[in-house]
Amino acid sequence: MEPVNHDLDIARNVRTIDWLRTEILDYVANLFKAMWQNREELMLDALAGLIMAAFLLGKRLGISFSRLENKLLAKLKASALEGHEIEKWYGDMTSLLDYWQERQVQRHND
């Protein structure tokens, strides 16, 4: 087995971070285009890509998937408790939090 070249690993990680940043921008642009065109499947694809890229970027920045998920849940709880506008108007923070918690229970039961 060849020795690991740490300089190469660092350079590859930096390139990957830059690539993921451009992917995020591309997904945002695609989302806006899809919204303008009212094309649900394209909106869904762009939103899924954004979520995927955010998790992968977090990993490249040294943040585990579970830490990111836990932070997301904490932000949802805080936003719901603080009465975020979207929560006041629609109850979306609570709905998303309930959904995420149900998924966690399902994963533990599988």
PDB file of N, CA and C in Angstrom:
ATOM      1  N   MET A   1       0.838  -1.173   0.000  1.00  0.00           N
ATOM      2  CA  MET A   1       0.000   0.000   0.000  1.00  0.00           C
ATOM      3  C   MET A   1       0.883   1.237   0.000  1.00  0.00           C
ATOM      4  N   GLU A   2       0.510   2.228  -0.820  1.00  0.00           N
ATOM      5  CA  GLU A   2       1.298   3.457  -0.933  1.00  0.00           C
ATOM      6  C   GLU A   2       1.075   4.357   0.268  1.00  0.00           C
ATOM      7  N   PRO A   3       2.115   5.105   0.663  1.00  0.00           N
ATOM      8  CA  PRO A   3       1.925   6.058   1.761  1.00  0.00           C
ATOM      9  C   PRO A   3       0.958   7.166   1.330  1.00  0.00           C
ATOM     10  N   VAL A   4       0.191   7.652   2.299  1.00  0.00           N
ATOM     11  CA  VAL A   4      -0.787   8.699   2.025  1.00  0.00           C
ATOM     12  C   VAL A   4      -0.069  10.037   1.903  1.00  0.00           C
ATOM     13  N   ASN A   5      -0.348  10.754   0.827  1.00  0.00           N
ATOM     14  CA  ASN A   5       0.212  12.080   0.626  1.00  0.00           C
ATOM     15  C   ASN A   5      -0.777  13.085   1.207  1.00  0.00           C
ATOM     16  N   HIS A   6      -0.449  13.631   2.387  1.00  0.00           N
ATOM     17  CA  HIS A   6      -1.377  14.530   3.088  1.00  0.00           C
ATOM     18  C   HIS A   6      -1.597  15.830   2.333  1.00  0.00           C
ATOM     19  N   ASP A   7      -0.569  16.315   1.619  1.00  0.00           N
ATOM     20  CA  ASP A   7      -0.739  17.527   0.820  1.00  0.00           C
ATOM     21  C   ASP A   7      -1.769  17.302  -0.276  1.00  0.00           C
ATOM     22  N   LEU A   8      -1.717  16.128  -0.889  1.00  0.00           N
ATOM     23  CA  LEU A   8      -2.681  15.785  -1.927  1.00  0.00           C
ATOM     24  C   LEU A   8      -4.086  15.701  -1.339  1.00  0.00           C
ATOM     25  N   ASP A   9      -4.212  15.095  -0.142  1.00  0.00           N
ATOM     26  CA  ASP A   9      -5.518  14.997   0.524  1.00  0.00           C
ATOM     27  C   ASP A   9      -6.079  16.373   0.843  1.00  0.00           C
ATOM     28  N   ILE A  10      -5.249  17.278   1.324  1.00  0.00           N
ATOM     29  CA  ILE A  10      -5.686  18.636   1.653  1.00  0.00           C
ATOM     30  C   ILE A  10      -6.133  19.361   0.390  1.00  0.00           C
ATOM     31  N   ALA A  11      -5.343  19.261  -0.662  1.00  0.00           N
ATOM     32  CA  ALA A  11      -5.693  19.920  -1.927  1.00  0.00           C
ATOM     33  C   ALA A  11      -6.997  19.350  -2.488  1.00  0.00           C
ATOM     34  N   ARG A  12      -7.145  18.049  -2.416  1.00  0.00           N
ATOM     35  CA  ARG A  12      -8.373  17.421  -2.907  1.00  0.00           C
ATOM     36  C   ARG A  12      -9.573  17.889  -2.086  1.00  0.00           C
ATOM     37  N   ASN A  13      -9.407  18.003  -0.779  1.00  0.00           N
ATOM     38  CA  ASN A  13     -10.497  18.457   0.087  1.00  0.00           C
ATOM     39  C   ASN A  13     -10.879  19.905  -0.233  1.00  0.00           C
ATOM     40  N   VAL A  14      -9.889  20.753  -0.461  1.00  0.00           N
ATOM     41  CA  VAL A  14     -10.158  22.156  -0.811  1.00  0.00           C
ATOM     42  C   VAL A  14     -10.902  22.224  -2.142  1.00  0.00           C
ATOM     43  N   ARG A  15     -10.450  21.453  -3.120  1.00  0.00           N
ATOM     44  CA  ARG A  15     -11.145  21.422  -4.420  1.00  0.00           C
ATOM     45  C   ARG A  15     -12.576  20.914  -4.276  1.00  0.00           C
ATOM     46  N   THR A  16     -12.754  19.920  -3.433  1.00  0.00           N
ATOM     47  CA  THR A  16     -14.090  19.374  -3.216  1.00  0.00           C
ATOM     48  C   THR A  16     -14.999  20.401  -2.551  1.00  0.00           C
ATOM     49  N   ILE A  17     -14.483  21.131  -1.581  1.00  0.00           N
ATOM     50  CA  ILE A  17     -15.256  22.190  -0.921  1.00  0.00           C
ATOM     51  C   ILE A  17     -15.655  23.251  -1.940  1.00  0.00           C
ATOM     52  N   ASP A  18     -14.716  23.678  -2.769  1.00  0.00           N
ATOM     53  CA  ASP A  18     -15.034  24.662  -3.804  1.00  0.00           C
ATOM     54  C   ASP A  18     -16.088  24.129  -4.767  1.00  0.00           C
ATOM     55  N   TRP A  19     -15.959  22.872  -5.158  1.00  0.00           N
ATOM     56  CA  TRP A  19     -16.919  22.267  -6.071  1.00  0.00           C
ATOM     57  C   TRP A  19     -18.305  22.220  -5.435  1.00  0.00           C
ATOM     58  N   LEU A  20     -18.383  21.839  -4.154  1.00  0.00           N
ATOM     59  CA  LEU A  20     -19.671  21.782  -3.472  1.00  0.00           C
ATOM     60  C   LEU A  20     -20.296  23.171  -3.338  1.00  0.00           C
ATOM     61  N   ARG A  21     -19.467  24.176  -3.119  1.00  0.00           N
ATOM     62  CA  ARG A  21     -20.000  25.548  -3.052  1.00  0.00           C
ATOM     63  C   ARG A  21     -20.633  25.937  -4.381  1.00  0.00           C
ATOM     64  N   THR A  22     -19.994  25.588  -5.477  1.00  0.00           N
ATOM     65  CA  THR A  22     -20.574  25.918  -6.781  1.00  0.00           C
ATOM     66  C   THR A  22     -21.817  25.071  -7.052  1.00  0.00           C
ATOM     67  N   GLU A  23     -21.820  23.837  -6.570  1.00  0.00           N
ATOM     68  CA  GLU A  23     -23.013  22.996  -6.708  1.00  0.00           C
ATOM     69  C   GLU A  23     -24.196  23.633  -5.977  1.00  0.00           C
ATOM     70  N   ILE A  24     -23.958  24.146  -4.791  1.00  0.00           N
ATOM     71  CA  ILE A  24     -25.028  24.797  -4.023  1.00  0.00           C
ATOM     72  C   ILE A  24     -25.575  25.990  -4.793  1.00  0.00           C
ATOM     73  N   LEU A  25     -24.686  26.798  -5.335  1.00  0.00           N
ATOM     74  CA  LEU A  25     -25.135  27.948  -6.126  1.00  0.00           C
ATOM     75  C   LEU A  25     -25.920  27.499  -7.352  1.00  0.00           C
ATOM     76  N   ASP A  26     -25.468  26.438  -7.989  1.00  0.00           N
ATOM     77  CA  ASP A  26     -26.159  25.910  -9.165  1.00  0.00           C
ATOM     78  C   ASP A  26     -27.549  25.404  -8.794  1.00  0.00           C
ATOM     79  N   TYR A  27     -27.656  24.694  -7.669  1.00  0.00           N
ATOM     80  CA  TYR A  27     -28.966  24.207  -7.230  1.00  0.00           C
ATOM     81  C   TYR A  27     -29.907  25.358  -6.899  1.00  0.00           C
ATOM     82  N   VAL A  28     -29.375  26.419  -6.283  1.00  0.00           N
ATOM     83  CA  VAL A  28     -30.211  27.588  -5.982  1.00  0.00           C
ATOM     84  C   VAL A  28     -30.709  28.216  -7.282  1.00  0.00           C
ATOM     85  N   ALA A  29     -29.806  28.382  -8.244  1.00  0.00           N
ATOM     86  CA  ALA A  29     -30.208  28.949  -9.539  1.00  0.00           C
ATOM     87  C   ALA A  29     -31.254  28.069 -10.216  1.00  0.00           C
ATOM     88  N   ASN A  30     -31.041  26.755 -10.174  1.00  0.00           N
ATOM     89  CA  ASN A  30     -32.010  25.828 -10.775  1.00  0.00           C
ATOM     90  C   ASN A  30     -33.358  25.896 -10.065  1.00  0.00           C
ATOM     91  N   LEU A  31     -33.323  26.052  -8.757  1.00  0.00           N
ATOM     92  CA  LEU A  31     -34.564  26.174  -7.997  1.00  0.00           C
ATOM     93  C   LEU A  31     -35.334  27.419  -8.428  1.00  0.00           C
ATOM     94  N   PHE A  32     -34.638  28.548  -8.542  1.00  0.00           N
ATOM     95  CA  PHE A  32     -35.302  29.786  -8.945  1.00  0.00           C
ATOM     96  C   PHE A  32     -35.894  29.673 -10.345  1.00  0.00           C
ATOM     97  N   LYS A  33     -35.144  29.044 -11.257  1.00  0.00           N
ATOM     98  CA  LYS A  33     -35.665  28.832 -12.614  1.00  0.00           C
ATOM     99  C   LYS A  33     -36.901  27.947 -12.591  1.00  0.00           C
ATOM    100  N   ALA A  34     -36.831  26.872 -11.827  1.00  0.00           N
ATOM    101  CA  ALA A  34     -37.956  25.942 -11.752  1.00  0.00           C
ATOM    102  C   ALA A  34     -39.178  26.615 -11.130  1.00  0.00           C
ATOM    103  N   MET A  35     -38.953  27.474 -10.135  1.00  0.00           N
ATOM    104  CA  MET A  35     -40.068  28.202  -9.525  1.00  0.00           C
ATOM    105  C   MET A  35     -40.689  29.149 -10.546  1.00  0.00           C
ATOM    106  N   TRP A  36     -39.854  29.814 -11.309  1.00  0.00           N
ATOM    107  CA  TRP A  36     -40.339  30.734 -12.339  1.00  0.00           C
ATOM    108  C   TRP A  36     -41.182  29.991 -13.378  1.00  0.00           C
ATOM    109  N   GLN A  37     -40.729  28.772 -13.717  1.00  0.00           N
ATOM    110  CA  GLN A  37     -41.414  27.958 -14.723  1.00  0.00           C
ATOM    111  C   GLN A  37     -42.553  27.128 -14.127  1.00  0.00           C
ATOM    112  N   ASN A  38     -42.655  27.155 -12.802  1.00  0.00           N
ATOM    113  CA  ASN A  38     -43.664  26.371 -12.083  1.00  0.00           C
ATOM    114  C   ASN A  38     -43.570  24.882 -12.431  1.00  0.00           C
ATOM    115  N   ARG A  39     -42.329  24.360 -12.369  1.00  0.00           N
ATOM    116  CA  ARG A  39     -42.070  22.946 -12.698  1.00  0.00           C
ATOM    117  C   ARG A  39     -41.685  22.209 -11.423  1.00  0.00           C
ATOM    118  N   GLU A  40     -42.664  21.540 -10.868  1.00  0.00           N
ATOM    119  CA  GLU A  40     -42.509  20.913  -9.561  1.00  0.00           C
ATOM    120  C   GLU A  40     -41.375  19.892  -9.509  1.00  0.00           C
ATOM    121  N   GLU A  41     -41.250  19.050 -10.516  1.00  0.00           N
ATOM    122  CA  GLU A  41     -40.208  18.019 -10.501  1.00  0.00           C
ATOM    123  C   GLU A  41     -38.818  18.651 -10.474  1.00  0.00           C
ATOM    124  N   LEU A  42     -38.635  19.744 -11.207  1.00  0.00           N
ATOM    125  CA  LEU A  42     -37.352  20.447 -11.187  1.00  0.00           C
ATOM    126  C   LEU A  42     -37.113  21.132  -9.848  1.00  0.00           C
ATOM    127  N   MET A  43     -38.175  21.653  -9.225  1.00  0.00           N
ATOM    128  CA  MET A  43     -38.041  22.244  -7.889  1.00  0.00           C
ATOM    129  C   MET A  43     -37.615  21.176  -6.886  1.00  0.00           C
ATOM    130  N   LEU A  44     -38.258  20.022  -6.965  1.00  0.00           N
ATOM    131  CA  LEU A  44     -37.946  18.908  -6.077  1.00  0.00           C
ATOM    132  C   LEU A  44     -36.496  18.472  -6.240  1.00  0.00           C
ATOM    133  N   ASP A  45     -36.048  18.365  -7.483  1.00  0.00           N
ATOM    134  CA  ASP A  45     -34.674  17.969  -7.755  1.00  0.00           C
ATOM    135  C   ASP A  45     -33.677  18.984  -7.179  1.00  0.00           C
ATOM    136  N   ALA A  46     -33.955  20.266  -7.372  1.00  0.00           N
ATOM    137  CA  ALA A  46     -33.056  21.307  -6.871  1.00  0.00           C
ATOM    138  C   ALA A  46     -33.024  21.325  -5.350  1.00  0.00           C
ATOM    139  N   LEU A  47     -34.173  21.190  -4.710  1.00  0.00           N
ATOM    140  CA  LEU A  47     -34.220  21.177  -3.250  1.00  0.00           C
ATOM    141  C   LEU A  47     -33.481  19.969  -2.682  1.00  0.00           C
ATOM    142  N   ALA A  48     -33.680  18.806  -3.293  1.00  0.00           N
ATOM    143  CA  ALA A  48     -32.975  17.601  -2.847  1.00  0.00           C
ATOM    144  C   ALA A  48     -31.465  17.776  -3.027  1.00  0.00           C
ATOM    145  N   GLY A  49     -31.063  18.371  -4.144  1.00  0.00           N
ATOM    146  CA  GLY A  49     -29.642  18.626  -4.377  1.00  0.00           C
ATOM    147  C   GLY A  49     -29.056  19.578  -3.353  1.00  0.00           C
ATOM    148  N   LEU A  50     -29.811  20.605  -2.983  1.00  0.00           N
ATOM    149  CA  LEU A  50     -29.350  21.549  -1.961  1.00  0.00           C
ATOM    150  C   LEU A  50     -29.110  20.851  -0.627  1.00  0.00           C
ATOM    151  N   ILE A  51     -30.058  20.030  -0.238  1.00  0.00           N
ATOM    152  CA  ILE A  51     -29.929  19.318   1.040  1.00  0.00           C
ATOM    153  C   ILE A  51     -28.734  18.376   0.990  1.00  0.00           C
ATOM    154  N   MET A  52     -28.612  17.636  -0.103  1.00  0.00           N
ATOM    155  CA  MET A  52     -27.497  16.709  -0.260  1.00  0.00           C
ATOM    156  C   MET A  52     -26.159  17.456  -0.213  1.00  0.00           C
ATOM    157  N   ALA A  53     -26.051  18.531  -0.981  1.00  0.00           N
ATOM    158  CA  ALA A  53     -24.803  19.297  -1.024  1.00  0.00           C
ATOM    159  C   ALA A  53     -24.476  19.914   0.332  1.00  0.00           C
ATOM    160  N   ALA A  54     -25.492  20.353   1.062  1.00  0.00           N
ATOM    161  CA  ALA A  54     -25.249  20.931   2.387  1.00  0.00           C
ATOM    162  C   ALA A  54     -24.657  19.890   3.334  1.00  0.00           C
ATOM    163  N   PHE A  55     -25.202  18.689   3.312  1.00  0.00           N
ATOM    164  CA  PHE A  55     -24.670  17.638   4.180  1.00  0.00           C
ATOM    165  C   PHE A  55     -23.254  17.247   3.764  1.00  0.00           C
ATOM    166  N   LEU A  56     -23.015  17.142   2.457  1.00  0.00           N
ATOM    167  CA  LEU A  56     -21.675  16.778   1.986  1.00  0.00           C
ATOM    168  C   LEU A  56     -20.662  17.879   2.276  1.00  0.00           C
ATOM    169  N   LEU A  57     -21.055  19.126   2.126  1.00  0.00           N
ATOM    170  CA  LEU A  57     -20.162  20.231   2.456  1.00  0.00           C
ATOM    171  C   LEU A  57     -19.837  20.211   3.946  1.00  0.00           C
ATOM    172  N   GLY A  58     -20.849  19.984   4.767  1.00  0.00           N
ATOM    173  CA  GLY A  58     -20.602  19.870   6.205  1.00  0.00           C
ATOM    174  C   GLY A  58     -19.570  18.798   6.512  1.00  0.00           C
ATOM    175  N   LYS A  59     -19.699  17.653   5.862  1.00  0.00           N
ATOM    176  CA  LYS A  59     -18.738  16.565   6.084  1.00  0.00           C
ATOM    177  C   LYS A  59     -17.328  17.001   5.704  1.00  0.00           C
ATOM    178  N   ARG A  60     -17.183  17.653   4.562  1.00  0.00           N
ATOM    179  CA  ARG A  60     -15.870  18.124   4.120  1.00  0.00           C
ATOM    180  C   ARG A  60     -15.305  19.168   5.071  1.00  0.00           C
ATOM    181  N   LEU A  61     -16.177  19.886   5.780  1.00  0.00           N
ATOM    182  CA  LEU A  61     -15.738  20.893   6.749  1.00  0.00           C
ATOM    183  C   LEU A  61     -15.518  20.301   8.137  1.00  0.00           C
ATOM    184  N   GLY A  62     -15.655  18.975   8.240  1.00  0.00           N
ATOM    185  CA  GLY A  62     -15.393  18.290   9.501  1.00  0.00           C
ATOM    186  C   GLY A  62     -16.605  18.147  10.408  1.00  0.00           C
ATOM    187  N   ILE A  63     -17.795  18.356   9.858  1.00  0.00           N
ATOM    188  CA  ILE A  63     -19.028  18.254  10.640  1.00  0.00           C
ATOM    189  C   ILE A  63     -19.725  16.955  10.251  1.00  0.00           C
ATOM    190  N   SER A  64     -19.982  16.115  11.229  1.00  0.00           N
ATOM    191  CA  SER A  64     -20.620  14.827  10.939  1.00  0.00           C
ATOM    192  C   SER A  64     -22.083  15.037  10.553  1.00  0.00           C
ATOM    193  N   PHE A  65     -22.607  14.057   9.833  1.00  0.00           N
ATOM    194  CA  PHE A  65     -24.012  14.117   9.433  1.00  0.00           C
ATOM    195  C   PHE A  65     -24.912  14.227  10.664  1.00  0.00           C
ATOM    196  N   SER A  66     -24.593  13.467  11.707  1.00  0.00           N
ATOM    197  CA  SER A  66     -25.440  13.479  12.908  1.00  0.00           C
ATOM    198  C   SER A  66     -25.384  14.829  13.621  1.00  0.00           C
ATOM    199  N   ARG A  67     -24.202  15.454  13.658  1.00  0.00           N
ATOM    200  CA  ARG A  67     -24.116  16.792  14.279  1.00  0.00           C
ATOM    201  C   ARG A  67     -24.930  17.807  13.500  1.00  0.00           C
ATOM    202  N   LEU A  68     -24.865  17.732  12.172  1.00  0.00           N
ATOM    203  CA  LEU A  68     -25.640  18.652  11.350  1.00  0.00           C
ATOM    204  C   LEU A  68     -27.133  18.417  11.556  1.00  0.00           C
ATOM    205  N   GLU A  69     -27.531  17.158  11.574  1.00  0.00           N
ATOM    206  CA  GLU A  69     -28.936  16.839  11.798  1.00  0.00           C
ATOM    207  C   GLU A  69     -29.395  17.320  13.178  1.00  0.00           C
ATOM    208  N   ASN A  70     -28.567  17.104  14.195  1.00  0.00           N
ATOM    209  CA  ASN A  70     -28.913  17.560  15.540  1.00  0.00           C
ATOM    210  C   ASN A  70     -29.039  19.081  15.608  1.00  0.00           C
ATOM    211  N   LYS A  71     -28.159  19.789  14.909  1.00  0.00           N
ATOM    212  CA  LYS A  71     -28.230  21.249  14.875  1.00  0.00           C
ATOM    213  C   LYS A  71     -29.507  21.697  14.176  1.00  0.00           C
ATOM    214  N   LEU A  72     -29.847  21.013  13.092  1.00  0.00           N
ATOM    215  CA  LEU A  72     -31.083  21.321  12.377  1.00  0.00           C
ATOM    216  C   LEU A  72     -32.293  21.149  13.291  1.00  0.00           C
ATOM    217  N   LEU A  73     -32.334  20.039  14.023  1.00  0.00           N
ATOM    218  CA  LEU A  73     -33.441  19.796  14.946  1.00  0.00           C
ATOM    219  C   LEU A  73     -33.492  20.860  16.038  1.00  0.00           C
ATOM    220  N   ALA A  74     -32.332  21.236  16.561  1.00  0.00           N
ATOM    221  CA  ALA A  74     -32.287  22.276  17.600  1.00  0.00           C
ATOM    222  C   ALA A  74     -32.786  23.612  17.054  1.00  0.00           C
ATOM    223  N   LYS A  75     -32.397  23.942  15.816  1.00  0.00           N
ATOM    224  CA  LYS A  75     -32.867  25.188  15.204  1.00  0.00           C
ATOM    225  C   LYS A  75     -34.374  25.151  14.962  1.00  0.00           C
ATOM    226  N   LEU A  76     -34.890  24.013  14.557  1.00  0.00           N
ATOM    227  CA  LEU A  76     -36.327  23.876  14.365  1.00  0.00           C
ATOM    228  C   LEU A  76     -37.069  24.083  15.687  1.00  0.00           C
ATOM    229  N   LYS A  77     -36.580  23.432  16.741  1.00  0.00           N
ATOM    230  CA  LYS A  77     -37.217  23.574  18.057  1.00  0.00           C
ATOM    231  C   LYS A  77     -37.189  25.027  18.509  1.00  0.00           C
ATOM    232  N   ALA A  78     -36.015  25.657  18.389  1.00  0.00           N
ATOM    233  CA  ALA A  78     -35.877  27.048  18.819  1.00  0.00           C
ATOM    234  C   ALA A  78     -36.778  27.960  17.997  1.00  0.00           C
ATOM    235  N   SER A  79     -36.834  27.751  16.699  1.00  0.00           N
ATOM    236  CA  SER A  79     -37.669  28.586  15.832  1.00  0.00           C
ATOM    237  C   SER A  79     -39.149  28.425  16.163  1.00  0.00           C
ATOM    238  N   ALA A  80     -39.549  27.201  16.459  1.00  0.00           N
ATOM    239  CA  ALA A  80     -40.942  26.956  16.827  1.00  0.00           C
ATOM    240  C   ALA A  80     -41.276  27.643  18.151  1.00  0.00           C
ATOM    241  N   LEU A  81     -40.363  27.529  19.117  1.00  0.00           N
ATOM    242  CA  LEU A  81     -40.602  28.137  20.424  1.00  0.00           C
ATOM    243  C   LEU A  81     -40.558  29.665  20.386  1.00  0.00           C
ATOM    244  N   GLU A  82     -39.683  30.204  19.550  1.00  0.00           N
ATOM    245  CA  GLU A  82     -39.534  31.660  19.463  1.00  0.00           C
ATOM    246  C   GLU A  82     -40.610  32.304  18.606  1.00  0.00           C
ATOM    247  N   GLY A  83     -41.444  31.495  17.991  1.00  0.00           N
ATOM    248  CA  GLY A  83     -42.531  32.032  17.189  1.00  0.00           C
ATOM    249  C   GLY A  83     -42.087  32.619  15.862  1.00  0.00           C
ATOM    250  N   HIS A  84     -41.202  31.921  15.179  1.00  0.00           N
ATOM    251  CA  HIS A  84     -40.769  32.334  13.843  1.00  0.00           C
ATOM    252  C   HIS A  84     -42.006  32.613  12.987  1.00  0.00           C
ATOM    253  N   GLU A  85     -41.909  33.573  12.088  1.00  0.00           N
ATOM    254  CA  GLU A  85     -43.059  33.965  11.266  1.00  0.00           C
ATOM    255  C   GLU A  85     -43.694  32.782  10.531  1.00  0.00           C
ATOM    256  N   ILE A  86     -42.862  31.935   9.948  1.00  0.00           N
ATOM    257  CA  ILE A  86     -43.398  30.782   9.214  1.00  0.00           C
ATOM    258  C   ILE A  86     -44.129  29.843  10.167  1.00  0.00           C
ATOM    259  N   GLU A  87     -43.615  29.731  11.379  1.00  0.00           N
ATOM    260  CA  GLU A  87     -44.294  28.908  12.389  1.00  0.00           C
ATOM    261  C   GLU A  87     -45.633  29.534  12.765  1.00  0.00           C
ATOM    262  N   LYS A  88     -45.641  30.833  12.973  1.00  0.00           N
ATOM    263  CA  LYS A  88     -46.892  31.523  13.327  1.00  0.00           C
ATOM    264  C   LYS A  88     -47.937  31.384  12.228  1.00  0.00           C
ATOM    265  N   TRP A  89     -47.517  31.570  10.995  1.00  0.00           N
ATOM    266  CA  TRP A  89     -48.445  31.568   9.871  1.00  0.00           C
ATOM    267  C   TRP A  89     -48.934  30.171   9.492  1.00  0.00           C
ATOM    268  N   TYR A  90     -48.018  29.206   9.490  1.00  0.00           N
ATOM    269  CA  TYR A  90     -48.344  27.890   8.932  1.00  0.00           C
ATOM    270  C   TYR A  90     -48.093  26.711   9.873  1.00  0.00           C
ATOM    271  N   GLY A  91     -47.283  26.900  10.913  1.00  0.00           N
ATOM    272  CA  GLY A  91     -46.910  25.776  11.769  1.00  0.00           C
ATOM    273  C   GLY A  91     -45.894  24.852  11.119  1.00  0.00           C
ATOM    274  N   ASP A  92     -45.165  25.374  10.122  1.00  0.00           N
ATOM    275  CA  ASP A  92     -44.239  24.529   9.355  1.00  0.00           C
ATOM    276  C   ASP A  92     -43.054  24.026  10.168  1.00  0.00           C
ATOM    277  N   MET A  93     -42.562  24.819  11.104  1.00  0.00           N
ATOM    278  CA  MET A  93     -41.412  24.378  11.910  1.00  0.00           C
ATOM    279  C   MET A  93     -41.804  23.150  12.730  1.00  0.00           C
ATOM    280  N   THR A  94     -42.962  23.230  13.361  1.00  0.00           N
ATOM    281  CA  THR A  94     -43.451  22.101  14.160  1.00  0.00           C
ATOM    282  C   THR A  94     -43.713  20.892  13.275  1.00  0.00           C
ATOM    283  N   SER A  95     -44.297  21.108  12.103  1.00  0.00           N
ATOM    284  CA  SER A  95     -44.566  20.000  11.183  1.00  0.00           C
ATOM    285  C   SER A  95     -43.280  19.312  10.759  1.00  0.00           C
ATOM    286  N   LEU A  96     -42.262  20.098  10.410  1.00  0.00           N
ATOM    287  CA  LEU A  96     -40.985  19.514   9.996  1.00  0.00           C
ATOM    288  C   LEU A  96     -40.309  18.808  11.161  1.00  0.00           C
ATOM    289  N   LEU A  97     -40.363  19.399  12.324  1.00  0.00           N
ATOM    290  CA  LEU A  97     -39.780  18.776  13.510  1.00  0.00           C
ATOM    291  C   LEU A  97     -40.479  17.446  13.805  1.00  0.00           C
ATOM    292  N   ASP A  98     -41.807  17.426  13.753  1.00  0.00           N
ATOM    293  CA  ASP A  98     -42.555  16.185  13.976  1.00  0.00           C
ATOM    294  C   ASP A  98     -42.168  15.128  12.943  1.00  0.00           C
ATOM    295  N   TYR A  99     -42.064  15.549  11.679  1.00  0.00           N
ATOM    296  CA  TYR A  99     -41.685  14.622  10.615  1.00  0.00           C
ATOM    297  C   TYR A  99     -40.306  14.031  10.896  1.00  0.00           C
ATOM    298  N   TRP A 100     -39.338  14.892  11.229  1.00  0.00           N
ATOM    299  CA  TRP A 100     -37.970  14.430  11.449  1.00  0.00           C
ATOM    300  C   TRP A 100     -37.912  13.484  12.643  1.00  0.00           C
ATOM    301  N   GLN A 101     -38.653  13.794  13.696  1.00  0.00           N
ATOM    302  CA  GLN A 101     -38.651  12.937  14.879  1.00  0.00           C
ATOM    303  C   GLN A 101     -39.318  11.595  14.589  1.00  0.00           C
ATOM    304  N   GLU A 102     -40.390  11.588  13.796  1.00  0.00           N
ATOM    305  CA  GLU A 102     -41.012  10.328  13.394  1.00  0.00           C
ATOM    306  C   GLU A 102     -40.031   9.475  12.601  1.00  0.00           C
ATOM    307  N   ARG A 103     -39.263  10.094  11.722  1.00  0.00           N
ATOM    308  CA  ARG A 103     -38.273   9.360  10.927  1.00  0.00           C
ATOM    309  C   ARG A 103     -37.207   8.749  11.835  1.00  0.00           C
ATOM    310  N   GLN A 104     -36.808   9.487  12.863  1.00  0.00           N
ATOM    311  CA  GLN A 104     -35.811   8.956  13.798  1.00  0.00           C
ATOM    312  C   GLN A 104     -36.353   7.730  14.519  1.00  0.00           C
ATOM    313  N   VAL A 105     -37.599   7.778  14.942  1.00  0.00           N
ATOM    314  CA  VAL A 105     -38.225   6.641  15.623  1.00  0.00           C
ATOM    315  C   VAL A 105     -38.300   5.455  14.665  1.00  0.00           C
ATOM    316  N   GLN A 106     -38.690   5.699  13.413  1.00  0.00           N
ATOM    317  CA  GLN A 106     -38.770   4.627  12.429  1.00  0.00           C
ATOM    318  C   GLN A 106     -37.415   3.979  12.200  1.00  0.00           C
ATOM    319  N   ARG A 107     -36.357   4.815  12.127  1.00  0.00           N
ATOM    320  CA  ARG A 107     -35.006   4.269  11.924  1.00  0.00           C
ATOM    321  C   ARG A 107     -34.588   3.393  13.088  1.00  0.00           C
ATOM    322  N   HIS A 108     -34.958   3.795  14.315  1.00  0.00           N
ATOM    323  CA  HIS A 108     -34.579   3.002  15.480  1.00  0.00           C
ATOM    324  C   HIS A 108     -35.368   1.706  15.565  1.00  0.00           C
ATOM    325  N   ASN A 109     -36.575   1.696  14.997  1.00  0.00           N
ATOM    326  CA  ASN A 109     -37.416   0.498  15.020  1.00  0.00           C
ATOM    327  C   ASN A 109     -37.081  -0.470  13.895  1.00  0.00           C
ATOM    328  N   ASP A 110     -36.363  -0.018  12.883  1.00  0.00           N
ATOM    329  CA  ASP A 110     -36.017  -0.898  11.740  1.00  0.00           C
ATOM    330  C   ASP A 110     -34.909  -1.848  12.058  1.00  0.00           C
TER     331      ASP A 110
END
